[in-house]
Amino acid sequence: MAIKRTVPFNKEGAKKLPTEKPGTYKIKDPKNQTLYVGETGRLQERVKEHIKQETVKPAKGRKVEVQRTSSKAEAQAKEKVLIKKLQPPINKKGK
C-alpha cells in the first residue's frame, strides 16, 4: 500500500516523515516542478541527508513529497519510472 505525504523541504518538515519506512521522494520547487527524485529504505533519514548536504538547497516554498512503499525493491522500481517520466533537472546532471 503506497501512502503519499507532502511536507516543507526543511528540518522541521523532515521530522514529520516516516522513520524506518522505504519509499520514493520528490523534491519540488514552489511552482510544484520536480527538481529531484530519489528512493530509500529510510525516508526521514535520507531527506535529512539531502538538507544537510544541500543536494537541493532548502528554500522558501520548496517541499518534499514522499510515497511509502512496501519494500526497498519496490521503491527502486518506482524511482526509475519517475525519473524517466519527470526527467528532473538534478537527476539529469548526474548522468
PDB file of N, CA and C in Angstrom:
ATOM      1  N   MET A   1       0.834  -1.169   0.000  1.00  0.00           N
ATOM      2  CA  MET A   1       0.000   0.000   0.000  1.00  0.00           C
ATOM      3  C   MET A   1       0.890   1.247   0.000  1.00  0.00           C
ATOM      4  N   ALA A   2       0.719   2.098  -0.974  1.00  0.00           N
ATOM      5  CA  ALA A   2       1.507   3.322  -1.072  1.00  0.00           C
ATOM      6  C   ALA A   2       0.784   4.463  -0.362  1.00  0.00           C
ATOM      7  N   ILE A   3       1.514   5.153   0.495  1.00  0.00           N
ATOM      8  CA  ILE A   3       0.966   6.287   1.220  1.00  0.00           C
ATOM      9  C   ILE A   3       1.766   7.519   0.839  1.00  0.00           C
ATOM     10  N   LYS A   4       1.093   8.569   0.358  1.00  0.00           N
ATOM     11  CA  LYS A   4       1.762   9.806  -0.044  1.00  0.00           C
ATOM     12  C   LYS A   4       1.638  10.846   1.059  1.00  0.00           C
ATOM     13  N   ARG A   5       2.690  11.671   1.149  1.00  0.00           N
ATOM     14  CA  ARG A   5       2.682  12.767   2.111  1.00  0.00           C
ATOM     15  C   ARG A   5       3.585  13.875   1.598  1.00  0.00           C
ATOM     16  N   THR A   6       3.192  15.119   1.776  1.00  0.00           N
ATOM     17  CA  THR A   6       3.994  16.267   1.363  1.00  0.00           C
ATOM     18  C   THR A   6       4.247  17.147   2.574  1.00  0.00           C
ATOM     19  N   VAL A   7       5.518  17.523   2.749  1.00  0.00           N
ATOM     20  CA  VAL A   7       5.922  18.390   3.861  1.00  0.00           C
ATOM     21  C   VAL A   7       6.899  19.435   3.331  1.00  0.00           C
ATOM     22  N   PRO A   8       7.110  20.524   4.077  1.00  0.00           N
ATOM     23  CA  PRO A   8       8.115  21.505   3.654  1.00  0.00           C
ATOM     24  C   PRO A   8       9.499  20.855   3.589  1.00  0.00           C
ATOM     25  N   PHE A   9      10.316  21.282   2.646  1.00  0.00           N
ATOM     26  CA  PHE A   9      11.671  20.745   2.498  1.00  0.00           C
ATOM     27  C   PHE A   9      12.609  21.525   3.415  1.00  0.00           C
ATOM     28  N   ASN A  10      12.537  21.167   4.697  1.00  0.00           N
ATOM     29  CA  ASN A  10      13.408  21.756   5.706  1.00  0.00           C
ATOM     30  C   ASN A  10      13.481  20.773   6.880  1.00  0.00           C
ATOM     31  N   LYS A  11      14.269  21.118   7.890  1.00  0.00           N
ATOM     32  CA  LYS A  11      14.460  20.212   9.026  1.00  0.00           C
ATOM     33  C   LYS A  11      13.155  19.880   9.736  1.00  0.00           C
ATOM     34  N   GLU A  12      12.314  20.882   9.917  1.00  0.00           N
ATOM     35  CA  GLU A  12      11.039  20.652  10.611  1.00  0.00           C
ATOM     36  C   GLU A  12      10.127  19.734   9.799  1.00  0.00           C
ATOM     37  N   GLY A  13      10.090  19.931   8.496  1.00  0.00           N
ATOM     38  CA  GLY A  13       9.284  19.068   7.638  1.00  0.00           C
ATOM     39  C   GLY A  13       9.790  17.634   7.645  1.00  0.00           C
ATOM     40  N   ALA A  14      11.112  17.464   7.594  1.00  0.00           N
ATOM     41  CA  ALA A  14      11.706  16.122   7.579  1.00  0.00           C
ATOM     42  C   ALA A  14      11.345  15.342   8.838  1.00  0.00           C
ATOM     43  N   LYS A  15      11.220  16.026   9.963  1.00  0.00           N
ATOM     44  CA  LYS A  15      10.873  15.352  11.222  1.00  0.00           C
ATOM     45  C   LYS A  15       9.489  14.713  11.170  1.00  0.00           C
ATOM     46  N   LYS A  16       8.648  15.160  10.256  1.00  0.00           N
ATOM     47  CA  LYS A  16       7.283  14.644  10.147  1.00  0.00           C
ATOM     48  C   LYS A  16       7.183  13.407   9.249  1.00  0.00           C
ATOM     49  N   LEU A  17       8.307  13.003   8.640  1.00  0.00           N
ATOM     50  CA  LEU A  17       8.297  11.863   7.723  1.00  0.00           C
ATOM     51  C   LEU A  17       8.473  10.547   8.467  1.00  0.00           C
ATOM     52  N   PRO A  18       8.028   9.442   7.852  1.00  0.00           N
ATOM     53  CA  PRO A  18       8.218   8.126   8.476  1.00  0.00           C
ATOM     54  C   PRO A  18       9.706   7.827   8.643  1.00  0.00           C
ATOM     55  N   THR A  19      10.071   7.206   9.758  1.00  0.00           N
ATOM     56  CA  THR A  19      11.481   6.964  10.037  1.00  0.00           C
ATOM     57  C   THR A  19      12.028   5.711   9.367  1.00  0.00           C
ATOM     58  N   GLU A  20      11.515   4.578   9.651  1.00  0.00           N
ATOM     59  CA  GLU A  20      12.076   3.309   9.173  1.00  0.00           C
ATOM     60  C   GLU A  20      11.280   2.731   8.005  1.00  0.00           C
ATOM     61  N   LYS A  21      10.814   3.577   7.117  1.00  0.00           N
ATOM     62  CA  LYS A  21       9.970   3.115   6.019  1.00  0.00           C
ATOM     63  C   LYS A  21      10.634   3.368   4.677  1.00  0.00           C
ATOM     64  N   PRO A  22      10.530   2.392   3.740  1.00  0.00           N
ATOM     65  CA  PRO A  22      11.062   2.600   2.387  1.00  0.00           C
ATOM     66  C   PRO A  22      10.092   3.415   1.543  1.00  0.00           C
ATOM     67  N   GLY A  23      10.626   4.018   0.485  1.00  0.00           N
ATOM     68  CA  GLY A  23       9.761   4.752  -0.418  1.00  0.00           C
ATOM     69  C   GLY A  23      10.534   5.618  -1.390  1.00  0.00           C
ATOM     70  N   THR A  24       9.779   6.387  -2.156  1.00  0.00           N
ATOM     71  CA  THR A  24      10.365   7.343  -3.093  1.00  0.00           C
ATOM     72  C   THR A  24      10.073   8.744  -2.585  1.00  0.00           C
ATOM     73  N   TYR A  25      10.855   9.707  -3.066  1.00  0.00           N
ATOM     74  CA  TYR A  25      10.611  11.085  -2.686  1.00  0.00           C
ATOM     75  C   TYR A  25      10.908  11.994  -3.865  1.00  0.00           C
ATOM     76  N   LYS A  26      10.161  13.091  -3.933  1.00  0.00           N
ATOM     77  CA  LYS A  26      10.356  14.107  -4.967  1.00  0.00           C
ATOM     78  C   LYS A  26      10.554  15.437  -4.263  1.00  0.00           C
ATOM     79  N   ILE A  27      11.646  16.112  -4.573  1.00  0.00           N
ATOM     80  CA  ILE A  27      11.872  17.448  -4.052  1.00  0.00           C
ATOM     81  C   ILE A  27      11.332  18.409  -5.106  1.00  0.00           C
ATOM     82  N   LYS A  28      10.425  19.308  -4.674  1.00  0.00           N
ATOM     83  CA  LYS A  28       9.729  20.181  -5.616  1.00  0.00           C
ATOM     84  C   LYS A  28       9.977  21.651  -5.299  1.00  0.00           C
ATOM     85  N   ASP A  29       9.915  22.477  -6.337  1.00  0.00           N
ATOM     86  CA  ASP A  29      10.066  23.921  -6.156  1.00  0.00           C
ATOM     87  C   ASP A  29       8.709  24.538  -5.828  1.00  0.00           C
ATOM     88  N   PRO A  30       8.682  25.846  -5.549  1.00  0.00           N
ATOM     89  CA  PRO A  30       7.399  26.482  -5.191  1.00  0.00           C
ATOM     90  C   PRO A  30       6.321  26.396  -6.281  1.00  0.00           C
ATOM     91  N   LYS A  31       6.736  26.180  -7.533  1.00  0.00           N
ATOM     92  CA  LYS A  31       5.763  26.055  -8.627  1.00  0.00           C
ATOM     93  C   LYS A  31       5.331  24.606  -8.840  1.00  0.00           C
ATOM     94  N   ASN A  32       5.724  23.724  -7.910  1.00  0.00           N
ATOM     95  CA  ASN A  32       5.380  22.301  -7.934  1.00  0.00           C
ATOM     96  C   ASN A  32       6.118  21.521  -9.022  1.00  0.00           C
ATOM     97  N   GLN A  33       7.191  22.066  -9.552  1.00  0.00           N
ATOM     98  CA  GLN A  33       8.016  21.355 -10.527  1.00  0.00           C
ATOM     99  C   GLN A  33       8.989  20.446  -9.772  1.00  0.00           C
ATOM    100  N   THR A  34       9.143  19.218 -10.221  1.00  0.00           N
ATOM    101  CA  THR A  34      10.033  18.274  -9.564  1.00  0.00           C
ATOM    102  C   THR A  34      11.482  18.587  -9.926  1.00  0.00           C
ATOM    103  N   LEU A  35      12.306  18.790  -8.893  1.00  0.00           N
ATOM    104  CA  LEU A  35      13.726  19.078  -9.078  1.00  0.00           C
ATOM    105  C   LEU A  35      14.578  17.822  -8.982  1.00  0.00           C
ATOM    106  N   TYR A  36      14.146  16.882  -8.123  1.00  0.00           N
ATOM    107  CA  TYR A  36      14.937  15.680  -7.861  1.00  0.00           C
ATOM    108  C   TYR A  36      14.016  14.552  -7.425  1.00  0.00           C
ATOM    109  N   VAL A  37      14.349  13.334  -7.851  1.00  0.00           N
ATOM    110  CA  VAL A  37      13.623  12.130  -7.452  1.00  0.00           C
ATOM    111  C   VAL A  37      14.630  11.157  -6.855  1.00  0.00           C
ATOM    112  N   GLY A  38      14.256  10.519  -5.761  1.00  0.00           N
ATOM    113  CA  GLY A  38      15.125   9.530  -5.143  1.00  0.00           C
ATOM    114  C   GLY A  38      14.331   8.417  -4.508  1.00  0.00           C
ATOM    115  N   GLU A  39      15.050   7.400  -4.050  1.00  0.00           N
ATOM    116  CA  GLU A  39      14.430   6.281  -3.334  1.00  0.00           C
ATOM    117  C   GLU A  39      15.315   5.938  -2.147  1.00  0.00           C
ATOM    118  N   THR A  40      14.722   5.305  -1.149  1.00  0.00           N
ATOM    119  CA  THR A  40      15.472   4.970   0.049  1.00  0.00           C
ATOM    120  C   THR A  40      14.737   3.923   0.870  1.00  0.00           C
ATOM    121  N   GLY A  41      15.459   3.315   1.752  1.00  0.00           N
ATOM    122  CA  GLY A  41      14.852   2.388   2.702  1.00  0.00           C
ATOM    123  C   GLY A  41      14.413   3.100   3.967  1.00  0.00           C
ATOM    124  N   ARG A  42      14.863   4.374   4.142  1.00  0.00           N
ATOM    125  CA  ARG A  42      14.558   5.147   5.343  1.00  0.00           C
ATOM    126  C   ARG A  42      14.279   6.591   4.940  1.00  0.00           C
ATOM    127  N   LEU A  43      13.025   6.905   4.721  1.00  0.00           N
ATOM    128  CA  LEU A  43      12.631   8.206   4.161  1.00  0.00           C
ATOM    129  C   LEU A  43      13.125   9.401   4.970  1.00  0.00           C
ATOM    130  N   GLN A  44      12.845   9.422   6.253  1.00  0.00           N
ATOM    131  CA  GLN A  44      13.208  10.586   7.057  1.00  0.00           C
ATOM    132  C   GLN A  44      14.717  10.822   7.043  1.00  0.00           C
ATOM    133  N   GLU A  45      15.473   9.777   7.242  1.00  0.00           N
ATOM    134  CA  GLU A  45      16.930   9.896   7.291  1.00  0.00           C
ATOM    135  C   GLU A  45      17.495  10.415   5.971  1.00  0.00           C
ATOM    136  N   ARG A  46      16.992   9.909   4.859  1.00  0.00           N
ATOM    137  CA  ARG A  46      17.526  10.319   3.550  1.00  0.00           C
ATOM    138  C   ARG A  46      17.197  11.771   3.238  1.00  0.00           C
ATOM    139  N   VAL A  47      15.994  12.208   3.541  1.00  0.00           N
ATOM    140  CA  VAL A  47      15.633  13.605   3.294  1.00  0.00           C
ATOM    141  C   VAL A  47      16.498  14.523   4.161  1.00  0.00           C
ATOM    142  N   LYS A  48      16.732  14.146   5.413  1.00  0.00           N
ATOM    143  CA  LYS A  48      17.608  14.936   6.284  1.00  0.00           C
ATOM    144  C   LYS A  48      19.018  15.027   5.694  1.00  0.00           C
ATOM    145  N   GLU A  49      19.503  13.942   5.094  1.00  0.00           N
ATOM    146  CA  GLU A  49      20.828  13.961   4.457  1.00  0.00           C
ATOM    147  C   GLU A  49      20.865  14.964   3.308  1.00  0.00           C
ATOM    148  N   HIS A  50      19.821  14.996   2.507  1.00  0.00           N
ATOM    149  CA  HIS A  50      19.766  15.965   1.398  1.00  0.00           C
ATOM    150  C   HIS A  50      19.825  17.394   1.930  1.00  0.00           C
ATOM    151  N   ILE A  51      19.104  17.662   2.984  1.00  0.00           N
ATOM    152  CA  ILE A  51      19.095  19.006   3.564  1.00  0.00           C
ATOM    153  C   ILE A  51      20.491  19.357   4.078  1.00  0.00           C
ATOM    154  N   LYS A  52      21.115  18.428   4.768  1.00  0.00           N
ATOM    155  CA  LYS A  52      22.457  18.653   5.330  1.00  0.00           C
ATOM    156  C   LYS A  52      23.509  18.838   4.235  1.00  0.00           C
ATOM    157  N   GLN A  53      23.452  17.994   3.202  1.00  0.00           N
ATOM    158  CA  GLN A  53      24.439  18.038   2.120  1.00  0.00           C
ATOM    159  C   GLN A  53      24.129  19.107   1.087  1.00  0.00           C
ATOM    160  N   GLU A  54      22.948  19.682   1.164  1.00  0.00           N
ATOM    161  CA  GLU A  54      22.493  20.695   0.218  1.00  0.00           C
ATOM    162  C   GLU A  54      22.529  20.191  -1.228  1.00  0.00           C
ATOM    163  N   THR A  55      22.136  18.925  -1.431  1.00  0.00           N
ATOM    164  CA  THR A  55      21.964  18.397  -2.785  1.00  0.00           C
ATOM    165  C   THR A  55      21.015  19.318  -3.539  1.00  0.00           C
ATOM    166  N   VAL A  56      19.935  19.646  -2.871  1.00  0.00           N
ATOM    167  CA  VAL A  56      18.995  20.667  -3.321  1.00  0.00           C
ATOM    168  C   VAL A  56      18.858  21.590  -2.122  1.00  0.00           C
ATOM    169  N   LYS A  57      19.261  22.822  -2.266  1.00  0.00           N
ATOM    170  CA  LYS A  57      19.246  23.737  -1.125  1.00  0.00           C
ATOM    171  C   LYS A  57      17.816  24.020  -0.679  1.00  0.00           C
ATOM    172  N   PRO A  58      17.561  23.886   0.644  1.00  0.00           N
ATOM    173  CA  PRO A  58      16.249  24.268   1.144  1.00  0.00           C
ATOM    174  C   PRO A  58      15.992  25.745   0.824  1.00  0.00           C
ATOM    175  N   ALA A  59      14.825  26.060   0.379  1.00  0.00           N
ATOM    176  CA  ALA A  59      14.458  27.439   0.052  1.00  0.00           C
ATOM    177  C   ALA A  59      12.969  27.605   0.331  1.00  0.00           C
ATOM    178  N   LYS A  60      12.572  28.829   0.516  1.00  0.00           N
ATOM    179  CA  LYS A  60      11.167  29.122   0.815  1.00  0.00           C
ATOM    180  C   LYS A  60      10.266  28.528  -0.269  1.00  0.00           C
ATOM    181  N   GLY A  61       9.277  27.794   0.168  1.00  0.00           N
ATOM    182  CA  GLY A  61       8.309  27.234  -0.761  1.00  0.00           C
ATOM    183  C   GLY A  61       8.659  25.854  -1.303  1.00  0.00           C
ATOM    184  N   ARG A  62       9.894  25.396  -1.095  1.00  0.00           N
ATOM    185  CA  ARG A  62      10.231  24.045  -1.565  1.00  0.00           C
ATOM    186  C   ARG A  62       9.585  23.028  -0.644  1.00  0.00           C
ATOM    187  N   LYS A  63       9.245  21.894  -1.231  1.00  0.00           N
ATOM    188  CA  LYS A  63       8.624  20.835  -0.442  1.00  0.00           C
ATOM    189  C   LYS A  63       9.131  19.481  -0.915  1.00  0.00           C
ATOM    190  N   VAL A  64       8.885  18.488  -0.106  1.00  0.00           N
ATOM    191  CA  VAL A  64       9.240  17.123  -0.464  1.00  0.00           C
ATOM    192  C   VAL A  64       7.975  16.282  -0.363  1.00  0.00           C
ATOM    193  N   GLU A  65       7.743  15.525  -1.420  1.00  0.00           N
ATOM    194  CA  GLU A  65       6.587  14.620  -1.465  1.00  0.00           C
ATOM    195  C   GLU A  65       7.132  13.205  -1.373  1.00  0.00           C
ATOM    196  N   VAL A  66       6.701  12.470  -0.378  1.00  0.00           N
ATOM    197  CA  VAL A  66       7.161  11.095  -0.206  1.00  0.00           C
ATOM    198  C   VAL A  66       6.017  10.136  -0.482  1.00  0.00           C
ATOM    199  N   GLN A  67       6.390   8.968  -0.963  1.00  0.00           N
ATOM    200  CA  GLN A  67       5.413   7.910  -1.182  1.00  0.00           C
ATOM    201  C   GLN A  67       6.008   6.641  -0.590  1.00  0.00           C
ATOM    202  N   ARG A  68       5.405   6.172   0.480  1.00  0.00           N
ATOM    203  CA  ARG A  68       5.876   4.936   1.110  1.00  0.00           C
ATOM    204  C   ARG A  68       5.578   3.756   0.211  1.00  0.00           C
ATOM    205  N   THR A  69       6.464   2.780   0.268  1.00  0.00           N
ATOM    206  CA  THR A  69       6.273   1.540  -0.479  1.00  0.00           C
ATOM    207  C   THR A  69       6.408   0.366   0.484  1.00  0.00           C
ATOM    208  N   SER A  70       6.067  -0.807   0.015  1.00  0.00           N
ATOM    209  CA  SER A  70       6.138  -1.981   0.887  1.00  0.00           C
ATOM    210  C   SER A  70       7.556  -2.525   1.013  1.00  0.00           C
ATOM    211  N   SER A  71       8.457  -2.143   0.074  1.00  0.00           N
ATOM    212  CA  SER A  71       9.834  -2.642   0.132  1.00  0.00           C
ATOM    213  C   SER A  71      10.790  -1.687  -0.583  1.00  0.00           C
ATOM    214  N   LYS A  72      12.072  -1.847  -0.313  1.00  0.00           N
ATOM    215  CA  LYS A  72      13.086  -1.043  -0.979  1.00  0.00           C
ATOM    216  C   LYS A  72      13.116  -1.370  -2.477  1.00  0.00           C
ATOM    217  N   ALA A  73      12.917  -2.637  -2.825  1.00  0.00           N
ATOM    218  CA  ALA A  73      12.907  -3.033  -4.241  1.00  0.00           C
ATOM    219  C   ALA A  73      11.784  -2.324  -4.998  1.00  0.00           C
ATOM    220  N   GLU A  74      10.618  -2.223  -4.371  1.00  0.00           N
ATOM    221  CA  GLU A  74       9.505  -1.510  -4.996  1.00  0.00           C
ATOM    222  C   GLU A  74       9.854  -0.024  -5.156  1.00  0.00           C
ATOM    223  N   ALA A  75      10.508   0.547  -4.152  1.00  0.00           N
ATOM    224  CA  ALA A  75      10.915   1.957  -4.222  1.00  0.00           C
ATOM    225  C   ALA A  75      11.904   2.175  -5.370  1.00  0.00           C
ATOM    226  N   GLN A  76      12.844   1.264  -5.550  1.00  0.00           N
ATOM    227  CA  GLN A  76      13.830   1.379  -6.630  1.00  0.00           C
ATOM    228  C   GLN A  76      13.150   1.337  -7.992  1.00  0.00           C
ATOM    229  N   ALA A  77      12.192   0.447  -8.143  1.00  0.00           N
ATOM    230  CA  ALA A  77      11.474   0.339  -9.415  1.00  0.00           C
ATOM    231  C   ALA A  77      10.668   1.610  -9.692  1.00  0.00           C
ATOM    232  N   LYS A  78       9.997   2.125  -8.665  1.00  0.00           N
ATOM    233  CA  LYS A  78       9.200   3.350  -8.838  1.00  0.00           C
ATOM    234  C   LYS A  78      10.089   4.548  -9.143  1.00  0.00           C
ATOM    235  N   GLU A  79      11.256   4.607  -8.526  1.00  0.00           N
ATOM    236  CA  GLU A  79      12.181   5.715  -8.780  1.00  0.00           C
ATOM    237  C   GLU A  79      12.563   5.760 -10.257  1.00  0.00           C
ATOM    238  N   LYS A  80      12.902   4.628 -10.826  1.00  0.00           N
ATOM    239  CA  LYS A  80      13.278   4.575 -12.247  1.00  0.00           C
ATOM    240  C   LYS A  80      12.156   5.092 -13.139  1.00  0.00           C
ATOM    241  N   VAL A  81      10.941   4.687 -12.840  1.00  0.00           N
ATOM    242  CA  VAL A  81       9.785   5.127 -13.625  1.00  0.00           C
ATOM    243  C   VAL A  81       9.592   6.638 -13.493  1.00  0.00           C
ATOM    244  N   LEU A  82       9.690   7.151 -12.273  1.00  0.00           N
ATOM    245  CA  LEU A  82       9.502   8.587 -12.042  1.00  0.00           C
ATOM    246  C   LEU A  82      10.574   9.428 -12.729  1.00  0.00           C
ATOM    247  N   ILE A  83      11.822   8.987 -12.674  1.00  0.00           N
ATOM    248  CA  ILE A  83      12.905   9.739 -13.326  1.00  0.00           C
ATOM    249  C   ILE A  83      12.690   9.773 -14.830  1.00  0.00           C
ATOM    250  N   LYS A  84      12.327   8.636 -15.390  1.00  0.00           N
ATOM    251  CA  LYS A  84      12.091   8.584 -16.836  1.00  0.00           C
ATOM    252  C   LYS A  84      10.913   9.484 -17.230  1.00  0.00           C
ATOM    253  N   LYS A  85       9.855   9.463 -16.428  1.00  0.00           N
ATOM    254  CA  LYS A  85       8.651  10.237 -16.737  1.00  0.00           C
ATOM    255  C   LYS A  85       8.859  11.740 -16.509  1.00  0.00           C
ATOM    256  N   LEU A  86       9.452  12.112 -15.380  1.00  0.00           N
ATOM    257  CA  LEU A  86       9.544  13.518 -14.982  1.00  0.00           C
ATOM    258  C   LEU A  86      10.819  14.219 -15.449  1.00  0.00           C
ATOM    259  N   GLN A  87      11.885  13.472 -15.671  1.00  0.00           N
ATOM    260  CA  GLN A  87      13.195  13.995 -16.083  1.00  0.00           C
ATOM    261  C   GLN A  87      13.621  15.197 -15.241  1.00  0.00           C
ATOM    262  N   PRO A  88      13.730  15.021 -13.919  1.00  0.00           N
ATOM    263  CA  PRO A  88      14.103  16.131 -13.045  1.00  0.00           C
ATOM    264  C   PRO A  88      15.509  16.646 -13.364  1.00  0.00           C
ATOM    265  N   PRO A  89      15.710  17.955 -13.331  1.00  0.00           N
ATOM    266  CA  PRO A  89      16.988  18.530 -13.749  1.00  0.00           C
ATOM    267  C   PRO A  89      18.191  18.073 -12.914  1.00  0.00           C
ATOM    268  N   ILE A  90      18.030  17.868 -11.621  1.00  0.00           N
ATOM    269  CA  ILE A  90      19.181  17.461 -10.805  1.00  0.00           C
ATOM    270  C   ILE A  90      19.544  16.014 -11.075  1.00  0.00           C
ATOM    271  N   ASN A  91      18.575  15.146 -11.310  1.00  0.00           N
ATOM    272  CA  ASN A  91      18.872  13.759 -11.665  1.00  0.00           C
ATOM    273  C   ASN A  91      19.602  13.705 -12.996  1.00  0.00           C
ATOM    274  N   LYS A  92      19.226  14.573 -13.932  1.00  0.00           N
ATOM    275  CA  LYS A  92      19.846  14.579 -15.262  1.00  0.00           C
ATOM    276  C   LYS A  92      21.300  15.054 -15.196  1.00  0.00           C
ATOM    277  N   LYS A  93      21.641  15.926 -14.230  1.00  0.00           N
ATOM    278  CA  LYS A  93      23.015  16.416 -14.087  1.00  0.00           C
ATOM    279  C   LYS A  93      23.970  15.288 -13.753  1.00  0.00           C
ATOM    280  N   GLY A  94      23.488  14.304 -12.985  1.00  0.00           N
ATOM    281  CA  GLY A  94      24.328  13.203 -12.540  1.00  0.00           C
ATOM    282  C   GLY A  94      24.684  12.198 -13.603  1.00  0.00           C
ATOM    283  N   LYS A  95      24.084  12.312 -14.776  1.00  0.00           N
ATOM    284  CA  LYS A  95      24.326  11.322 -15.838  1.00  0.00           C
ATOM    285  C   LYS A  95      25.378  11.787 -16.798  1.00  0.00           C
TER     286      LYS A  95
END
